[in-house]
Amino acid sequence: MRKLIFTCAMFGALTGVALAESWSGTLLDANCLNRHNATRSCDARTRTMSFVLDDNGTRYRLDARSNDAAHSAMLSRADKASNPDATKAVPVQATITGHIRSNGKLRADTVAVR
């Protein structure tokens, strides 16, 4: 019986992973986009706290948890750079795996920045 419950639980967990989608694009500063309406460059920086993913012209806002994950990934990227000036390289390319919530925002399972 325990084996059956374990097997069912594993299938349920793997089903959730299988439903995840992946988006790749440029990370942008959502607050900058709101203020300037794309009249200037709004590339994400290490101080950015609210992100938008631009995937070939389609922009996806990130939910609060995903913003935290993207910010952590940006800081990790800055920490790993051997050249301090390299952390200012823009635009920041990212791949986000997750799903779109009912409010239209991305809910990220993973955020990887390059």
PDB file of N, CA and C in Angstrom:
ATOM      1  N   MET A   1       0.816  -1.182   0.000  1.00  0.00           N
ATOM      2  CA  MET A   1       0.000   0.000   0.000  1.00  0.00           C
ATOM      3  C   MET A   1       0.868   1.257   0.000  1.00  0.00           C
ATOM      4  N   ARG A   2       1.948   1.255   0.797  1.00  0.00           N
ATOM      5  CA  ARG A   2       2.839   2.413   0.833  1.00  0.00           C
ATOM      6  C   ARG A   2       3.491   2.651  -0.522  1.00  0.00           C
ATOM      7  N   LYS A   3       3.824   1.556  -1.185  1.00  0.00           N
ATOM      8  CA  LYS A   3       4.452   1.668  -2.494  1.00  0.00           C
ATOM      9  C   LYS A   3       3.491   2.294  -3.507  1.00  0.00           C
ATOM     10  N   LEU A   4       2.240   1.921  -3.439  1.00  0.00           N
ATOM     11  CA  LEU A   4       1.225   2.468  -4.339  1.00  0.00           C
ATOM     12  C   LEU A   4       1.040   3.969  -4.085  1.00  0.00           C
ATOM     13  N   ILE A   5       0.962   4.366  -2.837  1.00  0.00           N
ATOM     14  CA  ILE A   5       0.793   5.784  -2.497  1.00  0.00           C
ATOM     15  C   ILE A   5       2.019   6.580  -2.952  1.00  0.00           C
ATOM     16  N   PHE A   6       3.199   6.032  -2.730  1.00  0.00           N
ATOM     17  CA  PHE A   6       4.430   6.696  -3.156  1.00  0.00           C
ATOM     18  C   PHE A   6       4.456   6.859  -4.673  1.00  0.00           C
ATOM     19  N   THR A   7       4.089   5.804  -5.390  1.00  0.00           N
ATOM     20  CA  THR A   7       4.074   5.856  -6.853  1.00  0.00           C
ATOM     21  C   THR A   7       3.091   6.897  -7.356  1.00  0.00           C
ATOM     22  N   CYS A   8       1.901   6.940  -6.772  1.00  0.00           N
ATOM     23  CA  CYS A   8       0.898   7.927  -7.170  1.00  0.00           C
ATOM     24  C   CYS A   8       1.383   9.349  -6.885  1.00  0.00           C
ATOM     25  N   ALA A   9       2.026   9.539  -5.752  1.00  0.00           N
ATOM     26  CA  ALA A   9       2.555  10.858  -5.400  1.00  0.00           C
ATOM     27  C   ALA A   9       3.635  11.294  -6.386  1.00  0.00           C
ATOM     28  N   MET A  10       4.479  10.370  -6.791  1.00  0.00           N
ATOM     29  CA  MET A  10       5.532  10.696  -7.751  1.00  0.00           C
ATOM     30  C   MET A  10       4.946  11.076  -9.109  1.00  0.00           C
ATOM     31  N   PHE A  11       3.949  10.340  -9.564  1.00  0.00           N
ATOM     32  CA  PHE A  11       3.303  10.683 -10.826  1.00  0.00           C
ATOM     33  C   PHE A  11       2.642  12.052 -10.743  1.00  0.00           C
ATOM     34  N   GLY A  12       2.032  12.356  -9.628  1.00  0.00           N
ATOM     35  CA  GLY A  12       1.402  13.667  -9.445  1.00  0.00           C
ATOM     36  C   GLY A  12       2.422  14.792  -9.479  1.00  0.00           C
ATOM     37  N   ALA A  13       3.548  14.599  -8.834  1.00  0.00           N
ATOM     38  CA  ALA A  13       4.603  15.621  -8.823  1.00  0.00           C
ATOM     39  C   ALA A  13       5.196  15.811 -10.216  1.00  0.00           C
ATOM     40  N   LEU A  14       5.423  14.726 -10.920  1.00  0.00           N
ATOM     41  CA  LEU A  14       5.998  14.817 -12.254  1.00  0.00           C
ATOM     42  C   LEU A  14       5.020  15.417 -13.257  1.00  0.00           C
ATOM     43  N   THR A  15       3.746  15.248 -13.040  1.00  0.00           N
ATOM     44  CA  THR A  15       2.746  15.841 -13.916  1.00  0.00           C
ATOM     45  C   THR A  15       2.820  17.362 -13.834  1.00  0.00           C
ATOM     46  N   GLY A  16       3.006  17.892 -12.640  1.00  0.00           N
ATOM     47  CA  GLY A  16       3.130  19.341 -12.469  1.00  0.00           C
ATOM     48  C   GLY A  16       4.335  19.897 -13.199  1.00  0.00           C
ATOM     49  N   VAL A  17       5.437  19.174 -13.189  1.00  0.00           N
ATOM     50  CA  VAL A  17       6.637  19.604 -13.896  1.00  0.00           C
ATOM     51  C   VAL A  17       6.406  19.549 -15.402  1.00  0.00           C
ATOM     52  N   ALA A  18       5.694  18.555 -15.857  1.00  0.00           N
ATOM     53  CA  ALA A  18       5.451  18.406 -17.288  1.00  0.00           C
ATOM     54  C   ALA A  18       4.586  19.532 -17.838  1.00  0.00           C
ATOM     55  N   LEU A  19       3.768  20.166 -17.016  1.00  0.00           N
ATOM     56  CA  LEU A  19       2.901  21.241 -17.472  1.00  0.00           C
ATOM     57  C   LEU A  19       3.627  22.580 -17.552  1.00  0.00           C
ATOM     58  N   ALA A  20       4.819  22.669 -17.034  1.00  0.00           N
ATOM     59  CA  ALA A  20       5.562  23.919 -17.035  1.00  0.00           C
ATOM     60  C   ALA A  20       5.974  24.293 -18.450  1.00  0.00           C
ATOM     61  N   GLU A  21       5.948  25.593 -18.724  1.00  0.00           N
ATOM     62  CA  GLU A  21       6.387  26.114 -20.007  1.00  0.00           C
ATOM     63  C   GLU A  21       7.694  26.857 -19.797  1.00  0.00           C
ATOM     64  N   SER A  22       8.338  27.215 -20.889  1.00  0.00           N
ATOM     65  CA  SER A  22       9.600  27.930 -20.801  1.00  0.00           C
ATOM     66  C   SER A  22       9.570  29.133 -21.734  1.00  0.00           C
ATOM     67  N   TRP A  23      10.085  30.262 -21.239  1.00  0.00           N
ATOM     68  CA  TRP A  23      10.181  31.489 -22.006  1.00  0.00           C
ATOM     69  C   TRP A  23      11.611  31.984 -21.929  1.00  0.00           C
ATOM     70  N   SER A  24      12.136  32.493 -23.030  1.00  0.00           N
ATOM     71  CA  SER A  24      13.472  33.084 -23.061  1.00  0.00           C
ATOM     72  C   SER A  24      13.372  34.466 -23.663  1.00  0.00           C
ATOM     73  N   GLY A  25      14.132  35.388 -23.097  1.00  0.00           N
ATOM     74  CA  GLY A  25      14.111  36.742 -23.619  1.00  0.00           C
ATOM     75  C   GLY A  25      14.956  37.673 -22.782  1.00  0.00           C
ATOM     76  N   THR A  26      14.635  38.944 -22.866  1.00  0.00           N
ATOM     77  CA  THR A  26      15.377  39.990 -22.184  1.00  0.00           C
ATOM     78  C   THR A  26      14.632  40.419 -20.931  1.00  0.00           C
ATOM     79  N   LEU A  27      15.351  40.505 -19.812  1.00  0.00           N
ATOM     80  CA  LEU A  27      14.755  41.015 -18.576  1.00  0.00           C
ATOM     81  C   LEU A  27      14.761  42.536 -18.613  1.00  0.00           C
ATOM     82  N   LEU A  28      13.616  43.131 -18.305  1.00  0.00           N
ATOM     83  CA  LEU A  28      13.465  44.579 -18.275  1.00  0.00           C
ATOM     84  C   LEU A  28      12.998  45.025 -16.903  1.00  0.00           C
ATOM     85  N   ASP A  29      13.222  46.280 -16.586  1.00  0.00           N
ATOM     86  CA  ASP A  29      12.784  46.886 -15.333  1.00  0.00           C
ATOM     87  C   ASP A  29      11.326  47.315 -15.491  1.00  0.00           C
ATOM     88  N   ALA A  30      10.404  46.689 -14.764  1.00  0.00           N
ATOM     89  CA  ALA A  30       8.971  46.971 -14.898  1.00  0.00           C
ATOM     90  C   ALA A  30       8.635  48.384 -14.455  1.00  0.00           C
ATOM     91  N   ASN A  31       9.271  48.881 -13.394  1.00  0.00           N
ATOM     92  CA  ASN A  31       8.982  50.234 -12.922  1.00  0.00           C
ATOM     93  C   ASN A  31       9.417  51.276 -13.942  1.00  0.00           C
ATOM     94  N   CYS A  32      10.546  51.070 -14.582  1.00  0.00           N
ATOM     95  CA  CYS A  32      11.026  51.965 -15.629  1.00  0.00           C
ATOM     96  C   CYS A  32      10.047  51.977 -16.804  1.00  0.00           C
ATOM     97  N   LEU A  33       9.572  50.799 -17.194  1.00  0.00           N
ATOM     98  CA  LEU A  33       8.607  50.722 -18.300  1.00  0.00           C
ATOM     99  C   LEU A  33       7.327  51.476 -17.967  1.00  0.00           C
ATOM    100  N   ASN A  34       6.880  51.383 -16.715  1.00  0.00           N
ATOM    101  CA  ASN A  34       5.664  52.097 -16.310  1.00  0.00           C
ATOM    102  C   ASN A  34       5.860  53.608 -16.369  1.00  0.00           C
ATOM    103  N   ARG A  35       7.026  54.074 -15.937  1.00  0.00           N
ATOM    104  CA  ARG A  35       7.293  55.518 -15.910  1.00  0.00           C
ATOM    105  C   ARG A  35       7.552  56.095 -17.286  1.00  0.00           C
ATOM    106  N   HIS A  36       8.329  55.395 -18.107  1.00  0.00           N
ATOM    107  CA  HIS A  36       8.798  55.966 -19.358  1.00  0.00           C
ATOM    108  C   HIS A  36       8.118  55.385 -20.592  1.00  0.00           C
ATOM    109  N   ASN A  37       7.291  54.402 -20.415  1.00  0.00           N
ATOM    110  CA  ASN A  37       6.538  53.795 -21.521  1.00  0.00           C
ATOM    111  C   ASN A  37       7.431  53.498 -22.728  1.00  0.00           C
ATOM    112  N   ALA A  38       8.579  52.897 -22.449  1.00  0.00           N
ATOM    113  CA  ALA A  38       9.529  52.446 -23.473  1.00  0.00           C
ATOM    114  C   ALA A  38      10.108  53.588 -24.294  1.00  0.00           C
ATOM    115  N   THR A  39      10.107  54.816 -23.750  1.00  0.00           N
ATOM    116  CA  THR A  39      10.738  55.920 -24.464  1.00  0.00           C
ATOM    117  C   THR A  39      12.238  55.943 -24.231  1.00  0.00           C
ATOM    118  N   ARG A  40      12.722  55.113 -23.320  1.00  0.00           N
ATOM    119  CA  ARG A  40      14.152  54.974 -23.089  1.00  0.00           C
ATOM    120  C   ARG A  40      14.454  53.527 -22.734  1.00  0.00           C
ATOM    121  N   SER A  41      15.712  53.199 -22.684  1.00  0.00           N
ATOM    122  CA  SER A  41      16.113  51.833 -22.370  1.00  0.00           C
ATOM    123  C   SER A  41      15.760  51.495 -20.925  1.00  0.00           C
ATOM    124  N   CYS A  42      15.105  50.389 -20.716  1.00  0.00           N
ATOM    125  CA  CYS A  42      14.700  49.957 -19.380  1.00  0.00           C
ATOM    126  C   CYS A  42      15.265  48.575 -19.070  1.00  0.00           C
ATOM    127  N   ASP A  43      16.531  48.366 -19.403  1.00  0.00           N
ATOM    128  CA  ASP A  43      17.167  47.082 -19.135  1.00  0.00           C
ATOM    129  C   ASP A  43      17.278  46.847 -17.633  1.00  0.00           C
ATOM    130  N   ALA A  44      17.143  45.596 -17.230  1.00  0.00           N
ATOM    131  CA  ALA A  44      17.235  45.220 -15.818  1.00  0.00           C
ATOM    132  C   ALA A  44      18.661  45.392 -15.318  1.00  0.00           C
ATOM    133  N   ARG A  45      18.772  45.800 -14.080  1.00  0.00           N
ATOM    134  CA  ARG A  45      20.061  45.974 -13.404  1.00  0.00           C
ATOM    135  C   ARG A  45      20.001  45.220 -12.077  1.00  0.00           C
ATOM    136  N   THR A  46      21.100  45.184 -11.361  1.00  0.00           N
ATOM    137  CA  THR A  46      21.109  44.476 -10.081  1.00  0.00           C
ATOM    138  C   THR A  46      20.222  45.159  -9.052  1.00  0.00           C
ATOM    139  N   ARG A  47      19.934  46.438  -9.215  1.00  0.00           N
ATOM    140  CA  ARG A  47      19.065  47.141  -8.261  1.00  0.00           C
ATOM    141  C   ARG A  47      17.575  47.016  -8.619  1.00  0.00           C
ATOM    142  N   THR A  48      17.266  46.410  -9.759  1.00  0.00           N
ATOM    143  CA  THR A  48      15.873  46.223 -10.187  1.00  0.00           C
ATOM    144  C   THR A  48      15.167  45.249  -9.256  1.00  0.00           C
ATOM    145  N   MET A  49      13.947  45.594  -8.869  1.00  0.00           N
ATOM    146  CA  MET A  49      13.178  44.736  -7.966  1.00  0.00           C
ATOM    147  C   MET A  49      11.910  44.177  -8.626  1.00  0.00           C
ATOM    148  N   SER A  50      11.476  44.764  -9.721  1.00  0.00           N
ATOM    149  CA  SER A  50      10.261  44.333 -10.408  1.00  0.00           C
ATOM    150  C   SER A  50      10.607  44.140 -11.881  1.00  0.00           C
ATOM    151  N   PHE A  51      10.357  42.942 -12.402  1.00  0.00           N
ATOM    152  CA  PHE A  51      10.833  42.569 -13.726  1.00  0.00           C
ATOM    153  C   PHE A  51       9.709  42.288 -14.711  1.00  0.00           C
ATOM    154  N   VAL A  52      10.067  42.459 -15.986  1.00  0.00           N
ATOM    155  CA  VAL A  52       9.233  42.068 -17.124  1.00  0.00           C
ATOM    156  C   VAL A  52      10.139  41.263 -18.039  1.00  0.00           C
ATOM    157  N   LEU A  53       9.632  40.162 -18.579  1.00  0.00           N
ATOM    158  CA  LEU A  53      10.385  39.375 -19.543  1.00  0.00           C
ATOM    159  C   LEU A  53       9.867  39.710 -20.934  1.00  0.00           C
ATOM    160  N   ASP A  54      10.742  40.195 -21.799  1.00  0.00           N
ATOM    161  CA  ASP A  54      10.384  40.512 -23.185  1.00  0.00           C
ATOM    162  C   ASP A  54      10.817  39.340 -24.045  1.00  0.00           C
ATOM    163  N   ASP A  55       9.849  38.553 -24.496  1.00  0.00           N
ATOM    164  CA  ASP A  55      10.102  37.371 -25.314  1.00  0.00           C
ATOM    165  C   ASP A  55       9.670  37.686 -26.747  1.00  0.00           C
ATOM    166  N   ASN A  56      10.618  38.189 -27.552  1.00  0.00           N
ATOM    167  CA  ASN A  56      10.352  38.550 -28.957  1.00  0.00           C
ATOM    168  C   ASN A  56       9.162  39.497 -29.103  1.00  0.00           C
ATOM    169  N   GLY A  57       9.120  40.534 -28.286  1.00  0.00           N
ATOM    170  CA  GLY A  57       8.066  41.538 -28.385  1.00  0.00           C
ATOM    171  C   GLY A  57       6.875  41.301 -27.478  1.00  0.00           C
ATOM    172  N   THR A  58       6.715  40.090 -26.975  1.00  0.00           N
ATOM    173  CA  THR A  58       5.642  39.799 -26.029  1.00  0.00           C
ATOM    174  C   THR A  58       6.198  39.981 -24.632  1.00  0.00           C
ATOM    175  N   ARG A  59       5.552  40.846 -23.848  1.00  0.00           N
ATOM    176  CA  ARG A  59       6.057  41.145 -22.506  1.00  0.00           C
ATOM    177  C   ARG A  59       5.217  40.442 -21.445  1.00  0.00           C
ATOM    178  N   TYR A  60       5.916  39.765 -20.538  1.00  0.00           N
ATOM    179  CA  TYR A  60       5.285  39.047 -19.448  1.00  0.00           C
ATOM    180  C   TYR A  60       5.737  39.650 -18.123  1.00  0.00           C
ATOM    181  N   ARG A  61       4.810  40.057 -17.298  1.00  0.00           N
ATOM    182  CA  ARG A  61       5.146  40.535 -15.954  1.00  0.00           C
ATOM    183  C   ARG A  61       5.342  39.326 -15.058  1.00  0.00           C
ATOM    184  N   LEU A  62       6.232  39.465 -14.085  1.00  0.00           N
ATOM    185  CA  LEU A  62       6.498  38.391 -13.132  1.00  0.00           C
ATOM    186  C   LEU A  62       5.737  38.657 -11.845  1.00  0.00           C
ATOM    187  N   ASP A  63       5.277  37.599 -11.187  1.00  0.00           N
ATOM    188  CA  ASP A  63       4.597  37.768  -9.899  1.00  0.00           C
ATOM    189  C   ASP A  63       5.651  38.037  -8.822  1.00  0.00           C
ATOM    190  N   ALA A  64       5.199  38.287  -7.601  1.00  0.00           N
ATOM    191  CA  ALA A  64       6.098  38.698  -6.514  1.00  0.00           C
ATOM    192  C   ALA A  64       7.183  37.669  -6.231  1.00  0.00           C
ATOM    193  N   ARG A  65       6.820  36.395  -6.142  1.00  0.00           N
ATOM    194  CA  ARG A  65       7.808  35.352  -5.864  1.00  0.00           C
ATOM    195  C   ARG A  65       8.822  35.240  -7.000  1.00  0.00           C
ATOM    196  N   SER A  66       8.348  35.383  -8.222  1.00  0.00           N
ATOM    197  CA  SER A  66       9.233  35.302  -9.384  1.00  0.00           C
ATOM    198  C   SER A  66      10.162  36.508  -9.457  1.00  0.00           C
ATOM    199  N   ASN A  67       9.662  37.691  -9.059  1.00  0.00           N
ATOM    200  CA  ASN A  67      10.522  38.871  -8.992  1.00  0.00           C
ATOM    201  C   ASN A  67      11.664  38.646  -8.017  1.00  0.00           C
ATOM    202  N   ASP A  68      11.354  38.034  -6.871  1.00  0.00           N
ATOM    203  CA  ASP A  68      12.396  37.729  -5.888  1.00  0.00           C
ATOM    204  C   ASP A  68      13.423  36.755  -6.465  1.00  0.00           C
ATOM    205  N   ALA A  69      12.945  35.747  -7.187  1.00  0.00           N
ATOM    206  CA  ALA A  69      13.857  34.768  -7.795  1.00  0.00           C
ATOM    207  C   ALA A  69      14.722  35.419  -8.873  1.00  0.00           C
ATOM    208  N   ALA A  70      14.135  36.310  -9.675  1.00  0.00           N
ATOM    209  CA  ALA A  70      14.898  36.999 -10.718  1.00  0.00           C
ATOM    210  C   ALA A  70      15.933  37.932 -10.089  1.00  0.00           C
ATOM    211  N   HIS A  71      15.557  38.620  -9.020  1.00  0.00           N
ATOM    212  CA  HIS A  71      16.497  39.509  -8.333  1.00  0.00           C
ATOM    213  C   HIS A  71      17.660  38.707  -7.750  1.00  0.00           C
ATOM    214  N   SER A  72      17.367  37.574  -7.149  1.00  0.00           N
ATOM    215  CA  SER A  72      18.421  36.706  -6.611  1.00  0.00           C
ATOM    216  C   SER A  72      19.338  36.209  -7.721  1.00  0.00           C
ATOM    217  N   ALA A  73      18.758  35.859  -8.858  1.00  0.00           N
ATOM    218  CA  ALA A  73      19.570  35.396  -9.991  1.00  0.00           C
ATOM    219  C   ALA A  73      20.461  36.519 -10.508  1.00  0.00           C
ATOM    220  N   MET A  74      19.939  37.746 -10.527  1.00  0.00           N
ATOM    221  CA  MET A  74      20.745  38.896 -10.951  1.00  0.00           C
ATOM    222  C   MET A  74      21.901  39.124  -9.986  1.00  0.00           C
ATOM    223  N   LEU A  75      21.635  39.044  -8.684  1.00  0.00           N
ATOM    224  CA  LEU A  75      22.696  39.230  -7.696  1.00  0.00           C
ATOM    225  C   LEU A  75      23.726  38.121  -7.785  1.00  0.00           C
ATOM    226  N   SER A  76      23.269  36.893  -8.010  1.00  0.00           N
ATOM    227  CA  SER A  76      24.177  35.756  -8.154  1.00  0.00           C
ATOM    228  C   SER A  76      25.057  35.954  -9.383  1.00  0.00           C
ATOM    229  N   ARG A  77      24.476  36.446 -10.439  1.00  0.00           N
ATOM    230  CA  ARG A  77      25.221  36.731 -11.670  1.00  0.00           C
ATOM    231  C   ARG A  77      26.289  37.774 -11.397  1.00  0.00           C
ATOM    232  N   ALA A  78      25.957  38.792 -10.604  1.00  0.00           N
ATOM    233  CA  ALA A  78      26.916  39.841 -10.284  1.00  0.00           C
ATOM    234  C   ALA A  78      28.037  39.299  -9.411  1.00  0.00           C
ATOM    235  N   ASP A  79      27.706  38.429  -8.475  1.00  0.00           N
ATOM    236  CA  ASP A  79      28.713  37.867  -7.572  1.00  0.00           C
ATOM    237  C   ASP A  79      29.698  36.971  -8.308  1.00  0.00           C
ATOM    238  N   LYS A  80      29.241  36.273  -9.340  1.00  0.00           N
ATOM    239  CA  LYS A  80      30.083  35.310 -10.034  1.00  0.00           C
ATOM    240  C   LYS A  80      30.982  35.950 -11.081  1.00  0.00           C
ATOM    241  N   ALA A  81      30.710  37.195 -11.442  1.00  0.00           N
ATOM    242  CA  ALA A  81      31.495  37.837 -12.488  1.00  0.00           C
ATOM    243  C   ALA A  81      32.903  38.141 -11.980  1.00  0.00           C
ATOM    244  N   SER A  82      33.890  37.754 -12.741  1.00  0.00           N
ATOM    245  CA  SER A  82      35.270  38.027 -12.342  1.00  0.00           C
ATOM    246  C   SER A  82      35.629  39.483 -12.596  1.00  0.00           C
ATOM    247  N   ASN A  83      34.947  40.102 -13.543  1.00  0.00           N
ATOM    248  CA  ASN A  83      35.172  41.497 -13.864  1.00  0.00           C
ATOM    249  C   ASN A  83      33.986  42.307 -13.348  1.00  0.00           C
ATOM    250  N   PRO A  84      34.194  43.235 -12.402  1.00  0.00           N
ATOM    251  CA  PRO A  84      33.070  43.997 -11.842  1.00  0.00           C
ATOM    252  C   PRO A  84      32.280  44.752 -12.900  1.00  0.00           C
ATOM    253  N   ASP A  85      32.931  45.184 -13.980  1.00  0.00           N
ATOM    254  CA  ASP A  85      32.222  45.905 -15.030  1.00  0.00           C
ATOM    255  C   ASP A  85      31.315  44.979 -15.832  1.00  0.00           C
ATOM    256  N   ALA A  86      31.596  43.678 -15.808  1.00  0.00           N
ATOM    257  CA  ALA A  86      30.789  42.720 -16.566  1.00  0.00           C
ATOM    258  C   ALA A  86      29.381  42.601 -15.995  1.00  0.00           C
ATOM    259  N   THR A  87      29.208  42.946 -14.721  1.00  0.00           N
ATOM    260  CA  THR A  87      27.887  42.844 -14.112  1.00  0.00           C
ATOM    261  C   THR A  87      26.938  43.903 -14.654  1.00  0.00           C
ATOM    262  N   LYS A  88      27.481  44.922 -15.312  1.00  0.00           N
ATOM    263  CA  LYS A  88      26.650  45.978 -15.860  1.00  0.00           C
ATOM    264  C   LYS A  88      26.272  45.698 -17.307  1.00  0.00           C
ATOM    265  N   ALA A  89      26.654  44.525 -17.799  1.00  0.00           N
ATOM    266  CA  ALA A  89      26.350  44.181 -19.179  1.00  0.00           C
ATOM    267  C   ALA A  89      24.854  44.083 -19.381  1.00  0.00           C
ATOM    268  N   VAL A  90      24.383  44.780 -20.383  1.00  0.00           N
ATOM    269  CA  VAL A  90      22.972  44.752 -20.720  1.00  0.00           C
ATOM    270  C   VAL A  90      22.860  44.505 -22.208  1.00  0.00           C
ATOM    271  N   PRO A  91      21.831  43.987 -22.711  1.00  0.00           N
ATOM    272  CA  PRO A  91      20.662  43.508 -21.986  1.00  0.00           C
ATOM    273  C   PRO A  91      20.918  42.162 -21.311  1.00  0.00           C
ATOM    274  N   VAL A  92      20.148  41.887 -20.289  1.00  0.00           N
ATOM    275  CA  VAL A  92      20.266  40.652 -19.534  1.00  0.00           C
ATOM    276  C   VAL A  92      19.320  39.625 -20.144  1.00  0.00           C
ATOM    277  N   GLN A  93      19.877  38.532 -20.616  1.00  0.00           N
ATOM    278  CA  GLN A  93      19.084  37.454 -21.198  1.00  0.00           C
ATOM    279  C   GLN A  93      18.695  36.474 -20.099  1.00  0.00           C
ATOM    280  N   ALA A  94      17.455  36.010 -20.131  1.00  0.00           N
ATOM    281  CA  ALA A  94      16.976  35.094 -19.099  1.00  0.00           C
ATOM    282  C   ALA A  94      16.102  34.013 -19.710  1.00  0.00           C
ATOM    283  N   THR A  95      16.075  32.879 -19.029  1.00  0.00           N
ATOM    284  CA  THR A  95      15.158  31.793 -19.358  1.00  0.00           C
ATOM    285  C   THR A  95      14.355  31.495 -18.105  1.00  0.00           C
ATOM    286  N   ILE A  96      13.038  31.544 -18.251  1.00  0.00           N
ATOM    287  CA  ILE A  96      12.145  31.312 -17.123  1.00  0.00           C
ATOM    288  C   ILE A  96      11.277  30.107 -17.433  1.00  0.00           C
ATOM    289  N   THR A  97      11.228  29.175 -16.488  1.00  0.00           N
ATOM    290  CA  THR A  97      10.370  28.005 -16.605  1.00  0.00           C
ATOM    291  C   THR A  97       9.291  28.119 -15.536  1.00  0.00           C
ATOM    292  N   GLY A  98       8.043  27.926 -15.918  1.00  0.00           N
ATOM    293  CA  GLY A  98       6.937  28.034 -14.978  1.00  0.00           C
ATOM    294  C   GLY A  98       5.611  27.994 -15.706  1.00  0.00           C
ATOM    295  N   HIS A  99       4.667  28.808 -15.240  1.00  0.00           N
ATOM    296  CA  HIS A  99       3.362  28.867 -15.885  1.00  0.00           C
ATOM    297  C   HIS A  99       2.765  30.263 -15.715  1.00  0.00           C
ATOM    298  N   ILE A 100       1.756  30.551 -16.511  1.00  0.00           N
ATOM    299  CA  ILE A 100       1.081  31.845 -16.435  1.00  0.00           C
ATOM    300  C   ILE A 100      -0.084  31.719 -15.467  1.00  0.00           C
ATOM    301  N   ARG A 101      -0.134  32.628 -14.515  1.00  0.00           N
ATOM    302  CA  ARG A 101      -1.208  32.635 -13.526  1.00  0.00           C
ATOM    303  C   ARG A 101      -2.478  33.229 -14.136  1.00  0.00           C
ATOM    304  N   SER A 102      -3.575  33.118 -13.440  1.00  0.00           N
ATOM    305  CA  SER A 102      -4.849  33.620 -13.937  1.00  0.00           C
ATOM    306  C   SER A 102      -4.841  35.143 -14.092  1.00  0.00           C
ATOM    307  N   ASN A 103      -3.975  35.852 -13.360  1.00  0.00           N
ATOM    308  CA  ASN A 103      -3.898  37.305 -13.489  1.00  0.00           C
ATOM    309  C   ASN A 103      -2.969  37.741 -14.622  1.00  0.00           C
ATOM    310  N   GLY A 104      -2.434  36.780 -15.387  1.00  0.00           N
ATOM    311  CA  GLY A 104      -1.596  37.084 -16.535  1.00  0.00           C
ATOM    312  C   GLY A 104      -0.118  37.196 -16.235  1.00  0.00           C
ATOM    313  N   LYS A 105       0.274  37.066 -14.979  1.00  0.00           N
ATOM    314  CA  LYS A 105       1.685  37.175 -14.611  1.00  0.00           C
ATOM    315  C   LYS A 105       2.342  35.802 -14.636  1.00  0.00           C
ATOM    316  N   LEU A 106       3.645  35.805 -14.901  1.00  0.00           N
ATOM    317  CA  LEU A 106       4.402  34.556 -14.896  1.00  0.00           C
ATOM    318  C   LEU A 106       4.700  34.128 -13.469  1.00  0.00           C
ATOM    319  N   ARG A 107       4.515  32.864 -13.202  1.00  0.00           N
ATOM    320  CA  ARG A 107       4.903  32.243 -11.931  1.00  0.00           C
ATOM    321  C   ARG A 107       6.077  31.339 -12.258  1.00  0.00           C
ATOM    322  N   ALA A 108       7.275  31.749 -11.876  1.00  0.00           N
ATOM    323  CA  ALA A 108       8.494  31.039 -12.261  1.00  0.00           C
ATOM    324  C   ALA A 108       8.811  29.909 -11.299  1.00  0.00           C
ATOM    325  N   ASP A 109       9.138  28.760 -11.860  1.00  0.00           N
ATOM    326  CA  ASP A 109       9.700  27.664 -11.081  1.00  0.00           C
ATOM    327  C   ASP A 109      11.220  27.838 -11.035  1.00  0.00           C
ATOM    328  N   THR A 110      11.799  28.228 -12.175  1.00  0.00           N
ATOM    329  CA  THR A 110      13.237  28.492 -12.248  1.00  0.00           C
ATOM    330  C   THR A 110      13.474  29.757 -13.059  1.00  0.00           C
ATOM    331  N   VAL A 111      14.500  30.497 -12.658  1.00  0.00           N
ATOM    332  CA  VAL A 111      14.938  31.687 -13.389  1.00  0.00           C
ATOM    333  C   VAL A 111      16.440  31.560 -13.589  1.00  0.00           C
ATOM    334  N   ALA A 112      16.872  31.565 -14.840  1.00  0.00           N
ATOM    335  CA  ALA A 112      18.293  31.484 -15.159  1.00  0.00           C
ATOM    336  C   ALA A 112      18.666  32.703 -15.996  1.00  0.00           C
ATOM    337  N   VAL A 113      19.666  33.453 -15.541  1.00  0.00           N
ATOM    338  CA  VAL A 113      20.128  34.624 -16.289  1.00  0.00           C
ATOM    339  C   VAL A 113      21.505  34.345 -16.874  1.00  0.00           C
ATOM    340  N   ARG A 114      21.756  34.973 -18.017  1.00  0.00           N
ATOM    341  CA  ARG A 114      23.060  34.833 -18.677  1.00  0.00           C
ATOM    342  C   ARG A 114      23.710  36.181 -18.764  1.00  0.00           C
TER     343      ARG A 114
END
